[in-house]
Amino acid sequence: MPRDFHPTLCDGHGRTVSYLRLSVTDRCDLRCTYCMDERMTFLPKRDLLSIEELERLVGAFIDMGVRKVRLTGGEPLVRHGIMTLVAALGNAVAAGRLDEVTLTTNGTQLARHATGLAASGVRRVNVSLDTLDPAKYAAITRRGRLGQVLDGIEAARDAGLKVKINTMALRGVNDDEVLDIVDWAAGHGCDVAFIEVMPMGQVGADERAGQYWPLDDLRKVLEQRFDLRDTGFTTGGPARYAEVVGTGQRIGFITPMSHNFCSTCNRVRVNCRGELFSCLGREGSVDLRPALRGAADNAPLFAAIEDALARKPRGHDFGYGAGAVEGALSRSMNHTGG
C-alpha cells in the first residue's frame, strides 16, 4: 500500500473513523480519583511499545484514512522520547498526510515542553483542570501541584498554543466552582469543556453514582449568569459547544452518559501496549502487537485494524439508572488512554 494512500476507514456500522487517540504511557505523576487507583500498578516498561513502534503504528492508521491524532496517557509528557514522536507526527501534518496532532495533558510538565510542542507543529492542547482550589486539587489528584499546572498553561499560551480546559463535572466536589472556572478560562483566553464522569475503574459504584452530574443540570447553573447560544463549532471530538453571547467564549459539553454520541463516533483508542479499543465503554480489545511485530510490511496490521473496526459496537453499555451504576468497567481510564 503506497504511503500516500488515504482510503475512508469505516466501522461495521458505516461510521467513518478518522480520529485516533493514542496512549503513549499508562504512567502519570498524578492519581486523579476518576482515572486510576491511588496505589496503581503500572505496566512494566518492557511491555510498552517503543517510540519507533508507536510511530509505525500511527503511520498505518494514517495510511488507512485517519486524519487526526491525539496523544494521551496516563500523562503523555512523562513518556521518555515523546518529543521524537511528536516531531514525526508534526512532519506528517506538514506533508499533508495528517490534518492535526494534539495532546491531552494534566499540565504538570507543560511548561518545559510547550515551546517544543509548538515547534513540532502542535497547535492545540487540552489541559485537565477540575478545580482552582489548591486543597481541592490536591484531594482530586492525590498529589497537588496546581501552581505547576497553571504555570504550564501560561507557558503554552506564551508558546502560541491554543489551550482548552477539560473539567470533569463532579457532584459534591466541584459543582460550586463551574462559574469560577468559566470566568478563569475566559480571562486566560481558554475555551472550557465539561465532561460527565463515567463508571470506570475501581471506585465504588455508590461513590461514582453520587458524583455523576448530568450536564443539562450544569448548563442550567451556567445559564443563571451567561446567555448561551448553541453553535456548530467542532474540533472533531465529541464536545457540543455553546458560545457566551457578547464575549465569544466557547463552552463545551461532553455527555457520554446523558446524551451519548455513539451514533456519530469517529474514533478509536490504542493504548501503550498496542491494544485497540474500538469503544471506551465496552470491555475487550484487539492486540495489534503480533501484526505490528510479525512482518516487515504493514499488510497484517492493516488487516488487524480493519477486522477490529468491523466489530466496533454500535454503542456503549454503561449508564446511571435511577442512581445506580449500569455496565461499570473495572478497567481504569489510564489503562485505556484518555
C-alpha atoms as a PDB file:
ATOM      1  CA  MET A   1       0.000   0.000   0.000  1.00  0.00           C
ATOM      2  CA  PRO A   2       1.609   3.338  -1.006  1.00  0.00           C
ATOM      3  CA  ARG A   3       2.387   5.817   1.743  1.00  0.00           C
ATOM      4  CA  ASP A   4       0.054   8.463   0.294  1.00  0.00           C
ATOM      5  CA  PHE A   5      -2.904   6.093   0.101  1.00  0.00           C
ATOM      6  CA  HIS A   6      -5.856   7.584   2.016  1.00  0.00           C
ATOM      7  CA  PRO A   7      -8.963   5.422   1.891  1.00  0.00           C
ATOM      8  CA  THR A   8     -12.003   6.081   4.041  1.00  0.00           C
ATOM      9  CA  LEU A   9     -11.741   3.904   7.128  1.00  0.00           C
ATOM     10  CA  CYS A  10     -15.178   2.763   8.307  1.00  0.00           C
ATOM     11  CA  ASP A  11     -16.521   0.539  11.038  1.00  0.00           C
ATOM     12  CA  GLY A  12     -19.157  -2.158  10.690  1.00  0.00           C
ATOM     13  CA  HIS A  13     -21.961   0.369  11.109  1.00  0.00           C
ATOM     14  CA  GLY A  14     -20.824   2.682   8.319  1.00  0.00           C
ATOM     15  CA  ARG A  15     -19.298   5.321  10.589  1.00  0.00           C
ATOM     16  CA  THR A  16     -16.139   6.943   9.257  1.00  0.00           C
ATOM     17  CA  VAL A  17     -13.188   6.527  11.618  1.00  0.00           C
ATOM     18  CA  SER A  18     -10.827   9.459  11.140  1.00  0.00           C
ATOM     19  CA  TYR A  19      -9.585  10.087  14.679  1.00  0.00           C
ATOM     20  CA  LEU A  20      -7.017   8.070  16.640  1.00  0.00           C
ATOM     21  CA  ARG A  21      -6.438   8.610  20.343  1.00  0.00           C
ATOM     22  CA  LEU A  22      -3.061   7.066  21.084  1.00  0.00           C
ATOM     23  CA  SER A  23      -1.948   6.494  24.660  1.00  0.00           C
ATOM     24  CA  VAL A  24       1.844   6.552  24.921  1.00  0.00           C
ATOM     25  CA  THR A  25       2.037   5.516  28.588  1.00  0.00           C
ATOM     26  CA  ASP A  26      -0.190   4.411  31.444  1.00  0.00           C
ATOM     27  CA  ARG A  27       2.048   6.266  33.902  1.00  0.00           C
ATOM     28  CA  CYS A  28       1.203   9.619  35.407  1.00  0.00           C
ATOM     29  CA  ASP A  29       2.608  11.930  38.048  1.00  0.00           C
ATOM     30  CA  LEU A  30      -0.899  12.479  39.454  1.00  0.00           C
ATOM     31  CA  ARG A  31      -3.501   9.980  40.714  1.00  0.00           C
ATOM     32  CA  CYS A  32      -6.841  11.549  39.816  1.00  0.00           C
ATOM     33  CA  THR A  33      -9.666   9.774  41.601  1.00  0.00           C
ATOM     34  CA  TYR A  34     -11.781   9.274  38.457  1.00  0.00           C
ATOM     35  CA  CYS A  35      -8.839   7.973  36.408  1.00  0.00           C
ATOM     36  CA  MET A  36      -6.873   5.455  38.451  1.00  0.00           C
ATOM     37  CA  ASP A  37      -6.399   3.749  41.775  1.00  0.00           C
ATOM     38  CA  GLU A  38      -4.226   5.554  44.326  1.00  0.00           C
ATOM     39  CA  ARG A  39      -1.825   2.600  44.517  1.00  0.00           C
ATOM     40  CA  MET A  40      -1.766   1.936  40.811  1.00  0.00           C
ATOM     41  CA  THR A  41       0.321  -0.919  39.430  1.00  0.00           C
ATOM     42  CA  PHE A  42       1.758   0.343  36.165  1.00  0.00           C
ATOM     43  CA  LEU A  43       2.828  -1.774  33.234  1.00  0.00           C
ATOM     44  CA  PRO A  44       6.458  -2.892  33.151  1.00  0.00           C
ATOM     45  CA  LYS A  45       8.316  -0.642  30.750  1.00  0.00           C
ATOM     46  CA  ARG A  46       9.271  -3.676  28.647  1.00  0.00           C
ATOM     47  CA  ASP A  47       5.572  -4.164  27.833  1.00  0.00           C
ATOM     48  CA  LEU A  48       5.200  -0.733  26.218  1.00  0.00           C
ATOM     49  CA  LEU A  49       5.520  -0.182  22.510  1.00  0.00           C
ATOM     50  CA  SER A  50       8.732   1.605  21.624  1.00  0.00           C
ATOM     51  CA  ILE A  51       8.614   5.106  20.185  1.00  0.00           C
ATOM     52  CA  GLU A  52       9.548   3.600  16.808  1.00  0.00           C
ATOM     53  CA  GLU A  53       6.682   1.114  17.047  1.00  0.00           C
ATOM     54  CA  LEU A  54       4.252   3.862  18.024  1.00  0.00           C
ATOM     55  CA  GLU A  55       5.373   5.890  15.023  1.00  0.00           C
ATOM     56  CA  ARG A  56       4.910   2.930  12.674  1.00  0.00           C
ATOM     57  CA  LEU A  57       1.501   2.170  14.169  1.00  0.00           C
ATOM     58  CA  VAL A  58       0.293   5.736  13.696  1.00  0.00           C
ATOM     59  CA  GLY A  59       1.645   5.679  10.146  1.00  0.00           C
ATOM     60  CA  ALA A  60      -0.506   2.658   9.382  1.00  0.00           C
ATOM     61  CA  PHE A  61      -3.614   4.401  10.690  1.00  0.00           C
ATOM     62  CA  ILE A  62      -2.776   7.476   8.614  1.00  0.00           C
ATOM     63  CA  ASP A  63      -2.366   5.301   5.529  1.00  0.00           C
ATOM     64  CA  MET A  64      -5.820   3.882   6.232  1.00  0.00           C
ATOM     65  CA  GLY A  65      -7.530   7.263   6.467  1.00  0.00           C
ATOM     66  CA  VAL A  66      -7.033   8.675   9.961  1.00  0.00           C
ATOM     67  CA  ARG A  67      -6.678  12.452   9.764  1.00  0.00           C
ATOM     68  CA  LYS A  68      -6.374  13.460  13.415  1.00  0.00           C
ATOM     69  CA  VAL A  69      -4.185  12.034  16.185  1.00  0.00           C
ATOM     70  CA  ARG A  70      -4.419  12.917  19.863  1.00  0.00           C
ATOM     71  CA  LEU A  71      -1.659  11.746  22.201  1.00  0.00           C
ATOM     72  CA  THR A  72      -2.861  10.743  25.651  1.00  0.00           C
ATOM     73  CA  GLY A  73      -1.867   8.688  28.673  1.00  0.00           C
ATOM     74  CA  GLY A  74      -1.580   8.465  31.638  1.00  0.00           C
ATOM     75  CA  GLU A  75       0.357  11.662  31.240  1.00  0.00           C
ATOM     76  CA  PRO A  76       1.951  11.682  27.770  1.00  0.00           C
ATOM     77  CA  LEU A  77       4.661  14.178  28.658  1.00  0.00           C
ATOM     78  CA  VAL A  78       6.261  11.812  31.188  1.00  0.00           C
ATOM     79  CA  ARG A  79       6.969   9.268  28.427  1.00  0.00           C
ATOM     80  CA  HIS A  80      10.668   9.127  27.578  1.00  0.00           C
ATOM     81  CA  GLY A  81      11.205  10.096  23.938  1.00  0.00           C
ATOM     82  CA  ILE A  82       7.739  11.591  23.500  1.00  0.00           C
ATOM     83  CA  MET A  83       9.024  14.649  21.631  1.00  0.00           C
ATOM     84  CA  THR A  84      10.530  12.377  18.964  1.00  0.00           C
ATOM     85  CA  LEU A  85       7.063  11.005  18.270  1.00  0.00           C
ATOM     86  CA  VAL A  86       5.517  14.473  18.346  1.00  0.00           C
ATOM     87  CA  ALA A  87       8.064  15.704  15.801  1.00  0.00           C
ATOM     88  CA  ALA A  88       7.338  12.756  13.491  1.00  0.00           C
ATOM     89  CA  LEU A  89       3.608  13.471  13.632  1.00  0.00           C
ATOM     90  CA  GLY A  90       4.282  17.159  13.052  1.00  0.00           C
ATOM     91  CA  ASN A  91       6.156  16.178   9.903  1.00  0.00           C
ATOM     92  CA  ALA A  92       3.118  14.178   8.783  1.00  0.00           C
ATOM     93  CA  VAL A  93       0.988  17.296   9.245  1.00  0.00           C
ATOM     94  CA  ALA A  94       3.481  19.414   7.302  1.00  0.00           C
ATOM     95  CA  ALA A  95       3.455  16.841   4.482  1.00  0.00           C
ATOM     96  CA  GLY A  96      -0.337  16.891   4.277  1.00  0.00           C
ATOM     97  CA  ARG A  97      -0.709  13.288   5.417  1.00  0.00           C
ATOM     98  CA  LEU A  98      -2.363  14.306   8.683  1.00  0.00           C
ATOM     99  CA  ASP A  99      -4.629  17.243   9.469  1.00  0.00           C
ATOM    100  CA  GLU A 100      -3.725  17.690  13.113  1.00  0.00           C
ATOM    101  CA  VAL A 101      -1.785  16.312  16.066  1.00  0.00           C
ATOM    102  CA  THR A 102      -2.997  17.327  19.507  1.00  0.00           C
ATOM    103  CA  LEU A 103      -2.314  16.391  23.100  1.00  0.00           C
ATOM    104  CA  THR A 104      -4.268  15.881  26.309  1.00  0.00           C
ATOM    105  CA  THR A 105      -2.177  16.594  29.397  1.00  0.00           C
ATOM    106  CA  ASN A 106      -2.538  17.236  33.100  1.00  0.00           C
ATOM    107  CA  GLY A 107      -0.286  20.266  32.604  1.00  0.00           C
ATOM    108  CA  THR A 108       2.376  19.454  35.177  1.00  0.00           C
ATOM    109  CA  GLN A 109       5.104  19.035  32.530  1.00  0.00           C
ATOM    110  CA  LEU A 110       3.738  21.573  30.078  1.00  0.00           C
ATOM    111  CA  ALA A 111       5.991  24.498  30.999  1.00  0.00           C
ATOM    112  CA  ARG A 112       9.152  22.673  29.910  1.00  0.00           C
ATOM    113  CA  HIS A 113       7.624  21.175  26.756  1.00  0.00           C
ATOM    114  CA  ALA A 114       5.353  23.935  25.443  1.00  0.00           C
ATOM    115  CA  THR A 115       7.923  25.548  23.143  1.00  0.00           C
ATOM    116  CA  GLY A 116       8.970  22.186  21.726  1.00  0.00           C
ATOM    117  CA  LEU A 117       5.361  21.153  21.115  1.00  0.00           C
ATOM    118  CA  ALA A 118       4.677  24.346  19.199  1.00  0.00           C
ATOM    119  CA  ALA A 119       7.887  23.984  17.198  1.00  0.00           C
ATOM    120  CA  SER A 120       6.876  20.436  16.256  1.00  0.00           C
ATOM    121  CA  GLY A 121       3.564  21.506  14.767  1.00  0.00           C
ATOM    122  CA  VAL A 122       1.170  21.104  17.680  1.00  0.00           C
ATOM    123  CA  ARG A 123      -1.366  23.928  17.652  1.00  0.00           C
ATOM    124  CA  ARG A 124      -3.789  22.913  20.407  1.00  0.00           C
ATOM    125  CA  VAL A 125      -3.600  21.140  23.744  1.00  0.00           C
ATOM    126  CA  ASN A 126      -6.254  20.086  26.224  1.00  0.00           C
ATOM    127  CA  VAL A 127      -5.379  20.521  29.889  1.00  0.00           C
ATOM    128  CA  SER A 128      -7.285  18.704  32.626  1.00  0.00           C
ATOM    129  CA  LEU A 129      -8.220  21.148  35.377  1.00  0.00           C
ATOM    130  CA  ASP A 130     -11.094  20.229  37.685  1.00  0.00           C
ATOM    131  CA  THR A 131     -10.762  22.935  40.317  1.00  0.00           C
ATOM    132  CA  LEU A 132      -8.992  26.197  41.057  1.00  0.00           C
ATOM    133  CA  ASP A 133      -8.808  25.462  44.781  1.00  0.00           C
ATOM    134  CA  PRO A 134      -5.349  24.143  45.783  1.00  0.00           C
ATOM    135  CA  ALA A 135      -6.668  21.940  48.606  1.00  0.00           C
ATOM    136  CA  LYS A 136      -9.422  20.501  46.474  1.00  0.00           C
ATOM    137  CA  TYR A 137      -6.978  19.972  43.608  1.00  0.00           C
ATOM    138  CA  ALA A 138      -4.717  18.021  45.953  1.00  0.00           C
ATOM    139  CA  ALA A 139      -7.664  15.871  47.035  1.00  0.00           C
ATOM    140  CA  ILE A 140      -8.815  15.127  43.470  1.00  0.00           C
ATOM    141  CA  THR A 141      -5.330  14.399  42.129  1.00  0.00           C
ATOM    142  CA  ARG A 142      -3.964  12.901  45.368  1.00  0.00           C
ATOM    143  CA  ARG A 143      -0.776  14.866  44.650  1.00  0.00           C
ATOM    144  CA  GLY A 144      -1.388  18.597  44.218  1.00  0.00           C
ATOM    145  CA  ARG A 145       0.855  20.789  42.008  1.00  0.00           C
ATOM    146  CA  LEU A 146      -1.905  23.202  40.966  1.00  0.00           C
ATOM    147  CA  GLY A 147       0.574  26.089  40.656  1.00  0.00           C
ATOM    148  CA  GLN A 148       2.742  23.974  38.377  1.00  0.00           C
ATOM    149  CA  VAL A 149      -0.270  23.305  36.128  1.00  0.00           C
ATOM    150  CA  LEU A 150      -1.263  26.961  35.976  1.00  0.00           C
ATOM    151  CA  ASP A 151       2.314  27.872  35.048  1.00  0.00           C
ATOM    152  CA  GLY A 152       2.171  25.247  32.314  1.00  0.00           C
ATOM    153  CA  ILE A 153      -0.983  26.743  30.871  1.00  0.00           C
ATOM    154  CA  GLU A 154       0.625  30.167  30.733  1.00  0.00           C
ATOM    155  CA  ALA A 155       3.735  28.705  29.097  1.00  0.00           C
ATOM    156  CA  ALA A 156       1.584  27.007  26.476  1.00  0.00           C
ATOM    157  CA  ARG A 157      -0.228  30.231  25.667  1.00  0.00           C
ATOM    158  CA  ASP A 158       3.069  32.108  25.507  1.00  0.00           C
ATOM    159  CA  ALA A 159       4.300  29.495  23.004  1.00  0.00           C
ATOM    160  CA  GLY A 160       1.280  30.183  20.807  1.00  0.00           C
ATOM    161  CA  LEU A 161      -0.684  27.054  21.680  1.00  0.00           C
ATOM    162  CA  LYS A 162      -4.454  27.196  21.923  1.00  0.00           C
ATOM    163  CA  VAL A 163      -5.453  25.769  25.299  1.00  0.00           C
ATOM    164  CA  LYS A 164      -8.770  24.144  26.104  1.00  0.00           C
ATOM    165  CA  ILE A 165      -9.551  23.350  29.725  1.00  0.00           C
ATOM    166  CA  ASN A 166     -11.172  19.966  30.376  1.00  0.00           C
ATOM    167  CA  THR A 167     -13.163  19.868  33.611  1.00  0.00           C
ATOM    168  CA  MET A 168     -14.756  16.719  34.991  1.00  0.00           C
ATOM    169  CA  ALA A 169     -18.181  17.569  36.418  1.00  0.00           C
ATOM    170  CA  LEU A 170     -18.232  16.002  39.883  1.00  0.00           C
ATOM    171  CA  ARG A 171     -21.322  16.487  42.017  1.00  0.00           C
ATOM    172  CA  GLY A 172     -20.407  17.347  45.574  1.00  0.00           C
ATOM    173  CA  VAL A 173     -16.806  18.007  44.602  1.00  0.00           C
ATOM    174  CA  ASN A 174     -16.505  20.908  42.161  1.00  0.00           C
ATOM    175  CA  ASP A 175     -20.155  21.735  41.415  1.00  0.00           C
ATOM    176  CA  ASP A 176     -19.763  25.001  43.316  1.00  0.00           C
ATOM    177  CA  GLU A 177     -16.941  26.156  41.033  1.00  0.00           C
ATOM    178  CA  VAL A 178     -18.255  25.942  37.494  1.00  0.00           C
ATOM    179  CA  LEU A 179     -18.897  29.676  37.153  1.00  0.00           C
ATOM    180  CA  ASP A 180     -15.470  30.473  38.562  1.00  0.00           C
ATOM    181  CA  ILE A 181     -13.820  28.029  36.163  1.00  0.00           C
ATOM    182  CA  VAL A 182     -15.574  29.561  33.154  1.00  0.00           C
ATOM    183  CA  ASP A 183     -14.599  33.046  34.317  1.00  0.00           C
ATOM    184  CA  TRP A 184     -10.997  31.990  34.858  1.00  0.00           C
ATOM    185  CA  ALA A 185     -10.804  30.297  31.451  1.00  0.00           C
ATOM    186  CA  ALA A 186     -12.229  33.371  29.726  1.00  0.00           C
ATOM    187  CA  GLY A 187      -9.749  35.614  31.500  1.00  0.00           C
ATOM    188  CA  HIS A 188      -6.872  33.418  30.307  1.00  0.00           C
ATOM    189  CA  GLY A 189      -8.016  33.080  26.698  1.00  0.00           C
ATOM    190  CA  CYS A 190      -9.050  29.433  27.044  1.00  0.00           C
ATOM    191  CA  ASP A 191     -12.143  27.558  25.971  1.00  0.00           C
ATOM    192  CA  VAL A 192     -13.505  25.095  28.511  1.00  0.00           C
ATOM    193  CA  ALA A 193     -15.293  21.752  28.179  1.00  0.00           C
ATOM    194  CA  PHE A 194     -17.191  19.981  30.945  1.00  0.00           C
ATOM    195  CA  ILE A 195     -17.274  16.172  30.985  1.00  0.00           C
ATOM    196  CA  GLU A 196     -19.664  13.742  32.648  1.00  0.00           C
ATOM    197  CA  VAL A 197     -17.916  11.218  34.881  1.00  0.00           C
ATOM    198  CA  MET A 198     -18.033   7.642  33.586  1.00  0.00           C
ATOM    199  CA  PRO A 199     -18.287   4.422  35.659  1.00  0.00           C
ATOM    200  CA  MET A 200     -14.745   3.195  35.071  1.00  0.00           C
ATOM    201  CA  GLY A 201     -12.070   1.927  37.416  1.00  0.00           C
ATOM    202  CA  GLN A 202     -12.085   0.645  40.983  1.00  0.00           C
ATOM    203  CA  VAL A 203     -14.127   3.438  42.585  1.00  0.00           C
ATOM    204  CA  GLY A 204     -17.180   2.083  44.409  1.00  0.00           C
ATOM    205  CA  ALA A 205     -20.439   2.150  42.476  1.00  0.00           C
ATOM    206  CA  ASP A 206     -22.240   4.256  45.086  1.00  0.00           C
ATOM    207  CA  GLU A 207     -19.477   6.862  45.115  1.00  0.00           C
ATOM    208  CA  ARG A 208     -19.341   7.073  41.321  1.00  0.00           C
ATOM    209  CA  ALA A 209     -23.134   7.358  41.004  1.00  0.00           C
ATOM    210  CA  GLY A 210     -23.113  10.053  43.672  1.00  0.00           C
ATOM    211  CA  GLN A 211     -20.533  12.068  41.742  1.00  0.00           C
ATOM    212  CA  TYR A 212     -22.428  11.909  38.448  1.00  0.00           C
ATOM    213  CA  TRP A 213     -23.728  15.340  37.453  1.00  0.00           C
ATOM    214  CA  PRO A 214     -25.726  15.438  34.191  1.00  0.00           C
ATOM    215  CA  LEU A 215     -24.510  18.354  32.117  1.00  0.00           C
ATOM    216  CA  ASP A 216     -28.066  19.518  31.430  1.00  0.00           C
ATOM    217  CA  ASP A 217     -28.124  20.412  35.139  1.00  0.00           C
ATOM    218  CA  LEU A 218     -24.690  22.024  34.965  1.00  0.00           C
ATOM    219  CA  ARG A 219     -25.779  24.093  31.992  1.00  0.00           C
ATOM    220  CA  LYS A 220     -28.725  25.438  33.986  1.00  0.00           C
ATOM    221  CA  VAL A 221     -26.231  26.748  36.542  1.00  0.00           C
ATOM    222  CA  LEU A 222     -24.241  28.460  33.783  1.00  0.00           C
ATOM    223  CA  GLU A 223     -27.379  29.992  32.290  1.00  0.00           C
ATOM    224  CA  GLN A 224     -28.084  31.775  35.551  1.00  0.00           C
ATOM    225  CA  ARG A 225     -25.217  34.101  34.598  1.00  0.00           C
ATOM    226  CA  PHE A 226     -24.403  33.564  30.924  1.00  0.00           C
ATOM    227  CA  ASP A 227     -26.500  33.908  27.801  1.00  0.00           C
ATOM    228  CA  LEU A 228     -25.519  30.729  25.929  1.00  0.00           C
ATOM    229  CA  ARG A 229     -26.081  30.160  22.231  1.00  0.00           C
ATOM    230  CA  ASP A 230     -25.539  26.733  20.694  1.00  0.00           C
ATOM    231  CA  THR A 231     -23.060  26.655  17.829  1.00  0.00           C
ATOM    232  CA  GLY A 232     -21.964  24.206  15.183  1.00  0.00           C
ATOM    233  CA  PHE A 233     -18.322  24.651  16.153  1.00  0.00           C
ATOM    234  CA  THR A 234     -16.363  21.417  16.423  1.00  0.00           C
ATOM    235  CA  THR A 235     -12.781  20.326  16.957  1.00  0.00           C
ATOM    236  CA  GLY A 236     -13.538  16.869  15.590  1.00  0.00           C
ATOM    237  CA  GLY A 237     -14.226  15.346  19.009  1.00  0.00           C
ATOM    238  CA  PRO A 238     -17.450  14.647  20.919  1.00  0.00           C
ATOM    239  CA  ALA A 239     -17.947  18.058  22.565  1.00  0.00           C
ATOM    240  CA  ARG A 240     -21.015  20.097  21.662  1.00  0.00           C
ATOM    241  CA  TYR A 241     -20.253  23.789  22.024  1.00  0.00           C
ATOM    242  CA  ALA A 242     -22.198  26.822  23.109  1.00  0.00           C
ATOM    243  CA  GLU A 243     -20.958  30.397  22.927  1.00  0.00           C
ATOM    244  CA  VAL A 244     -21.298  33.029  25.606  1.00  0.00           C
ATOM    245  CA  VAL A 245     -23.153  35.787  23.772  1.00  0.00           C
ATOM    246  CA  GLY A 246     -21.187  39.004  23.693  1.00  0.00           C
ATOM    247  CA  THR A 247     -17.815  37.509  24.585  1.00  0.00           C
ATOM    248  CA  GLY A 248     -17.212  34.690  22.103  1.00  0.00           C
ATOM    249  CA  GLN A 249     -16.155  32.370  24.957  1.00  0.00           C
ATOM    250  CA  ARG A 250     -16.822  28.749  23.977  1.00  0.00           C
ATOM    251  CA  ILE A 251     -18.096  26.190  26.482  1.00  0.00           C
ATOM    252  CA  GLY A 252     -18.165  22.533  25.502  1.00  0.00           C
ATOM    253  CA  PHE A 253     -20.354  19.754  26.870  1.00  0.00           C
ATOM    254  CA  ILE A 254     -19.182  16.139  26.619  1.00  0.00           C
ATOM    255  CA  THR A 255     -22.100  13.912  27.598  1.00  0.00           C
ATOM    256  CA  PRO A 256     -21.267  10.205  27.291  1.00  0.00           C
ATOM    257  CA  MET A 257     -23.921   9.355  29.875  1.00  0.00           C
ATOM    258  CA  SER A 258     -26.909  11.683  29.468  1.00  0.00           C
ATOM    259  CA  HIS A 259     -26.782  12.205  25.689  1.00  0.00           C
ATOM    260  CA  ASN A 260     -24.348   9.696  24.286  1.00  0.00           C
ATOM    261  CA  PHE A 261     -22.803  10.437  20.909  1.00  0.00           C
ATOM    262  CA  CYS A 262     -22.257   6.822  19.847  1.00  0.00           C
ATOM    263  CA  SER A 263     -24.145   7.251  16.562  1.00  0.00           C
ATOM    264  CA  THR A 264     -21.524   9.728  15.344  1.00  0.00           C
ATOM    265  CA  CYS A 265     -18.440   8.110  16.906  1.00  0.00           C
ATOM    266  CA  ASN A 266     -15.452   8.735  14.630  1.00  0.00           C
ATOM    267  CA  ARG A 267     -12.600   7.473  16.809  1.00  0.00           C
ATOM    268  CA  VAL A 268     -10.732   4.531  18.236  1.00  0.00           C
ATOM    269  CA  ARG A 269      -8.230   4.251  21.037  1.00  0.00           C
ATOM    270  CA  VAL A 270      -4.940   2.378  21.083  1.00  0.00           C
ATOM    271  CA  ASN A 271      -3.094   2.056  24.357  1.00  0.00           C
ATOM    272  CA  CYS A 272       0.628   1.972  25.033  1.00  0.00           C
ATOM    273  CA  ARG A 273       0.710  -1.818  24.697  1.00  0.00           C
ATOM    274  CA  GLY A 274      -0.769  -1.727  21.215  1.00  0.00           C
ATOM    275  CA  GLU A 275      -4.257  -2.818  22.266  1.00  0.00           C
ATOM    276  CA  LEU A 276      -7.030  -1.309  20.154  1.00  0.00           C
ATOM    277  CA  PHE A 277     -10.217  -0.349  21.983  1.00  0.00           C
ATOM    278  CA  SER A 278     -12.951   0.353  19.484  1.00  0.00           C
ATOM    279  CA  CYS A 279     -15.311   1.541  22.251  1.00  0.00           C
ATOM    280  CA  LEU A 280     -14.356   3.230  25.509  1.00  0.00           C
ATOM    281  CA  GLY A 281     -17.460   1.887  27.243  1.00  0.00           C
ATOM    282  CA  ARG A 282     -17.070  -1.782  26.365  1.00  0.00           C
ATOM    283  CA  GLU A 283     -14.794  -4.495  27.651  1.00  0.00           C
ATOM    284  CA  GLY A 284     -12.461  -6.169  25.218  1.00  0.00           C
ATOM    285  CA  SER A 285      -9.695  -5.085  22.895  1.00  0.00           C
ATOM    286  CA  VAL A 286      -7.643  -6.318  19.952  1.00  0.00           C
ATOM    287  CA  ASP A 287      -3.905  -6.767  20.401  1.00  0.00           C
ATOM    288  CA  LEU A 288      -2.127  -5.243  17.399  1.00  0.00           C
ATOM    289  CA  ARG A 289       1.356  -6.272  18.523  1.00  0.00           C
ATOM    290  CA  PRO A 290       1.518  -9.617  16.664  1.00  0.00           C
ATOM    291  CA  ALA A 291       0.650  -7.876  13.403  1.00  0.00           C
ATOM    292  CA  LEU A 292       2.948  -4.944  14.175  1.00  0.00           C
ATOM    293  CA  ARG A 293       5.931  -7.122  15.036  1.00  0.00           C
ATOM    294  CA  GLY A 294       5.333 -10.154  12.870  1.00  0.00           C
ATOM    295  CA  ALA A 295       6.034  -8.782   9.400  1.00  0.00           C
ATOM    296  CA  ALA A 296       8.256  -6.242   7.700  1.00  0.00           C
ATOM    297  CA  ASP A 297       5.334  -4.663   5.868  1.00  0.00           C
ATOM    298  CA  ASN A 298       2.052  -3.336   7.250  1.00  0.00           C
ATOM    299  CA  ALA A 299      -0.361  -5.668   5.427  1.00  0.00           C
ATOM    300  CA  PRO A 300      -1.089  -7.779   8.555  1.00  0.00           C
ATOM    301  CA  LEU A 301      -1.515  -4.601  10.594  1.00  0.00           C
ATOM    302  CA  PHE A 302      -4.000  -3.151   8.090  1.00  0.00           C
ATOM    303  CA  ALA A 303      -5.954  -6.410   8.213  1.00  0.00           C
ATOM    304  CA  ALA A 304      -5.996  -6.491  12.024  1.00  0.00           C
ATOM    305  CA  ILE A 305      -7.234  -2.893  12.238  1.00  0.00           C
ATOM    306  CA  GLU A 306      -9.943  -3.500   9.635  1.00  0.00           C
ATOM    307  CA  ASP A 307     -11.090  -6.643  11.444  1.00  0.00           C
ATOM    308  CA  ALA A 308     -11.250  -4.822  14.797  1.00  0.00           C
ATOM    309  CA  LEU A 309     -13.253  -1.930  13.341  1.00  0.00           C
ATOM    310  CA  ALA A 310     -15.665  -4.275  11.596  1.00  0.00           C
ATOM    311  CA  ARG A 311     -16.635  -5.452  15.099  1.00  0.00           C
ATOM    312  CA  LYS A 312     -16.831  -1.989  16.670  1.00  0.00           C
ATOM    313  CA  PRO A 313     -20.096  -1.958  18.678  1.00  0.00           C
ATOM    314  CA  ARG A 314     -22.929   0.395  17.912  1.00  0.00           C
ATOM    315  CA  GLY A 315     -22.658   1.965  21.344  1.00  0.00           C
ATOM    316  CA  HIS A 316     -21.532   1.566  24.932  1.00  0.00           C
ATOM    317  CA  ASP A 317     -23.360  -0.223  27.747  1.00  0.00           C
ATOM    318  CA  PHE A 318     -22.685   1.852  30.814  1.00  0.00           C
ATOM    319  CA  GLY A 319     -25.015   4.324  32.454  1.00  0.00           C
ATOM    320  CA  TYR A 320     -26.609   5.522  35.678  1.00  0.00           C
ATOM    321  CA  GLY A 321     -30.114   4.126  36.005  1.00  0.00           C
ATOM    322  CA  ALA A 322     -32.155   5.517  38.901  1.00  0.00           C
ATOM    323  CA  GLY A 323     -28.936   6.498  40.650  1.00  0.00           C
ATOM    324  CA  ALA A 324     -27.309   3.086  40.214  1.00  0.00           C
ATOM    325  CA  VAL A 325     -24.363   2.255  38.008  1.00  0.00           C
ATOM    326  CA  GLU A 326     -25.047   0.058  35.000  1.00  0.00           C
ATOM    327  CA  GLY A 327     -22.365  -1.624  32.910  1.00  0.00           C
ATOM    328  CA  ALA A 328     -19.441  -0.351  35.013  1.00  0.00           C
ATOM    329  CA  LEU A 329     -15.964  -1.203  33.748  1.00  0.00           C
ATOM    330  CA  SER A 330     -13.162  -2.371  36.015  1.00  0.00           C
ATOM    331  CA  ARG A 331     -10.615  -1.049  33.504  1.00  0.00           C
ATOM    332  CA  SER A 332      -9.063   2.217  34.666  1.00  0.00           C
ATOM    333  CA  MET A 333      -9.066   5.190  32.346  1.00  0.00           C
ATOM    334  CA  ASN A 334      -5.272   5.345  32.287  1.00  0.00           C
ATOM    335  CA  HIS A 335      -5.168   1.729  31.066  1.00  0.00           C
ATOM    336  CA  THR A 336      -7.215   2.670  28.016  1.00  0.00           C
ATOM    337  CA  GLY A 337      -5.907   6.153  27.401  1.00  0.00           C
ATOM    338  CA  GLY A 338      -7.771   9.410  27.944  1.00  0.00           C
END
